Amino acid sequence: MQPALTAEDLWPLVQKLPHDEQVRLAKLALMAASRGPSADAEAYRTTPPAPDEFATSDDPLAWEAEGWENVDAKR
């Protein structure tokens, strides 16, 4: 049985690719690592966001303004 390939095994081949093909390979690898392009869609289909998922009871205009006096302070 042959040992599994590692990223280091493939790196010399990746370096031989033109830049646009390296980018394409990176995108394909990320897509494969993230369980495919439809993984998020499937997750939202099985558990859709609740109506109040991103809601907040805080009024953003009522937030405290303390701590901003030092924003323009010299560093």
C-alpha atoms as a PDB file:
ATOM      1  CA  MET A   1       0.000   0.000   0.000  1.00  0.00           C
ATOM      2  CA  GLN A   2       1.379   3.394  -0.955  1.00  0.00           C
ATOM      3  CA  PRO A   3       1.404   6.224   1.599  1.00  0.00           C
ATOM      4  CA  ALA A   4      -1.072   9.069   1.124  1.00  0.00           C
ATOM      5  CA  LEU A   5       0.108  12.101  -0.815  1.00  0.00           C
ATOM      6  CA  THR A   6       0.828  15.274   1.092  1.00  0.00           C
ATOM      7  CA  ALA A   7       0.757  18.914   0.052  1.00  0.00           C
ATOM      8  CA  GLU A   8       4.557  18.865   0.038  1.00  0.00           C
ATOM      9  CA  ASP A   9       4.454  16.035  -2.515  1.00  0.00           C
ATOM     10  CA  LEU A  10       2.295  18.110  -4.850  1.00  0.00           C
ATOM     11  CA  TRP A  11       4.010  21.467  -4.326  1.00  0.00           C
ATOM     12  CA  PRO A  12       6.665  21.036  -7.075  1.00  0.00           C
ATOM     13  CA  LEU A  13       3.884  20.373  -9.594  1.00  0.00           C
ATOM     14  CA  VAL A  14       1.875  23.376  -8.413  1.00  0.00           C
ATOM     15  CA  GLN A  15       4.905  25.628  -8.833  1.00  0.00           C
ATOM     16  CA  LYS A  16       5.170  24.566 -12.481  1.00  0.00           C
ATOM     17  CA  LEU A  17       1.634  25.747 -13.238  1.00  0.00           C
ATOM     18  CA  PRO A  18       1.024  29.220 -14.687  1.00  0.00           C
ATOM     19  CA  HIS A  19      -0.387  31.723 -12.194  1.00  0.00           C
ATOM     20  CA  ASP A  20      -3.959  31.539 -13.495  1.00  0.00           C
ATOM     21  CA  GLU A  21      -3.922  27.754 -13.184  1.00  0.00           C
ATOM     22  CA  GLN A  22      -2.526  28.006  -9.635  1.00  0.00           C
ATOM     23  CA  VAL A  23      -5.450  30.276  -8.733  1.00  0.00           C
ATOM     24  CA  ARG A  24      -7.901  27.880 -10.395  1.00  0.00           C
ATOM     25  CA  LEU A  25      -6.395  24.951  -8.497  1.00  0.00           C
ATOM     26  CA  ALA A  26      -6.608  26.875  -5.214  1.00  0.00           C
ATOM     27  CA  LYS A  27     -10.303  27.602  -5.824  1.00  0.00           C
ATOM     28  CA  LEU A  28     -10.995  23.956  -6.630  1.00  0.00           C
ATOM     29  CA  ALA A  29      -9.125  22.812  -3.534  1.00  0.00           C
ATOM     30  CA  LEU A  30     -11.026  25.222  -1.291  1.00  0.00           C
ATOM     31  CA  MET A  31     -14.321  24.149  -2.813  1.00  0.00           C
ATOM     32  CA  ALA A  32     -13.466  20.485  -2.201  1.00  0.00           C
ATOM     33  CA  ALA A  33     -12.335  21.208   1.348  1.00  0.00           C
ATOM     34  CA  SER A  34     -15.583  23.053   2.095  1.00  0.00           C
ATOM     35  CA  ARG A  35     -17.721  20.065   1.036  1.00  0.00           C
ATOM     36  CA  GLY A  36     -18.562  21.519  -2.342  1.00  0.00           C
ATOM     37  CA  PRO A  37     -20.189  24.678  -3.671  1.00  0.00           C
ATOM     38  CA  SER A  38     -23.680  23.839  -2.384  1.00  0.00           C
ATOM     39  CA  ALA A  39     -22.783  23.072   1.250  1.00  0.00           C
ATOM     40  CA  ASP A  40     -24.075  26.411   2.543  1.00  0.00           C
ATOM     41  CA  ALA A  41     -27.239  26.216   0.475  1.00  0.00           C
ATOM     42  CA  GLU A  42     -27.977  22.763   1.878  1.00  0.00           C
ATOM     43  CA  ALA A  43     -27.384  23.939   5.445  1.00  0.00           C
ATOM     44  CA  TYR A  44     -29.778  26.873   5.009  1.00  0.00           C
ATOM     45  CA  ARG A  45     -32.340  24.612   3.356  1.00  0.00           C
ATOM     46  CA  THR A  46     -32.369  22.212   6.321  1.00  0.00           C
ATOM     47  CA  THR A  47     -32.267  24.966   8.971  1.00  0.00           C
ATOM     48  CA  PRO A  48     -33.359  28.309   7.561  1.00  0.00           C
ATOM     49  CA  PRO A  49     -32.506  31.452   9.522  1.00  0.00           C
ATOM     50  CA  ALA A  50     -35.116  32.493  12.062  1.00  0.00           C
ATOM     51  CA  PRO A  51     -36.870  35.846  11.531  1.00  0.00           C
ATOM     52  CA  ASP A  52     -35.112  37.303  14.566  1.00  0.00           C
ATOM     53  CA  GLU A  53     -31.714  35.670  13.975  1.00  0.00           C
ATOM     54  CA  PHE A  54     -30.008  38.956  13.200  1.00  0.00           C
ATOM     55  CA  ALA A  55     -32.326  41.142  15.233  1.00  0.00           C
ATOM     56  CA  THR A  56     -31.170  43.091  18.232  1.00  0.00           C
ATOM     57  CA  SER A  57     -33.036  44.824  20.996  1.00  0.00           C
ATOM     58  CA  ASP A  58     -30.385  47.527  21.215  1.00  0.00           C
ATOM     59  CA  ASP A  59     -30.926  50.832  19.515  1.00  0.00           C
ATOM     60  CA  PRO A  60     -27.634  51.465  17.661  1.00  0.00           C
ATOM     61  CA  LEU A  61     -28.068  55.210  18.073  1.00  0.00           C
ATOM     62  CA  ALA A  62     -28.295  54.789  21.844  1.00  0.00           C
ATOM     63  CA  TRP A  63     -24.901  53.105  22.240  1.00  0.00           C
ATOM     64  CA  GLU A  64     -22.542  54.802  24.619  1.00  0.00           C
ATOM     65  CA  ALA A  65     -20.048  57.131  23.036  1.00  0.00           C
ATOM     66  CA  GLU A  66     -17.404  56.767  25.731  1.00  0.00           C
ATOM     67  CA  GLY A  67     -13.861  55.999  24.668  1.00  0.00           C
ATOM     68  CA  TRP A  68     -13.905  57.917  21.388  1.00  0.00           C
ATOM     69  CA  GLU A  69     -12.077  60.939  22.756  1.00  0.00           C
ATOM     70  CA  ASN A  70      -8.695  59.185  22.314  1.00  0.00           C
ATOM     71  CA  VAL A  71      -9.263  58.023  18.741  1.00  0.00           C
ATOM     72  CA  ASP A  72      -7.313  60.939  17.268  1.00  0.00           C
ATOM     73  CA  ALA A  73      -4.676  60.902  20.005  1.00  0.00           C
ATOM     74  CA  LYS A  74      -1.053  60.886  18.844  1.00  0.00           C
ATOM     75  CA  ARG A  75       0.468  57.471  18.791  1.00  0.00           C
END
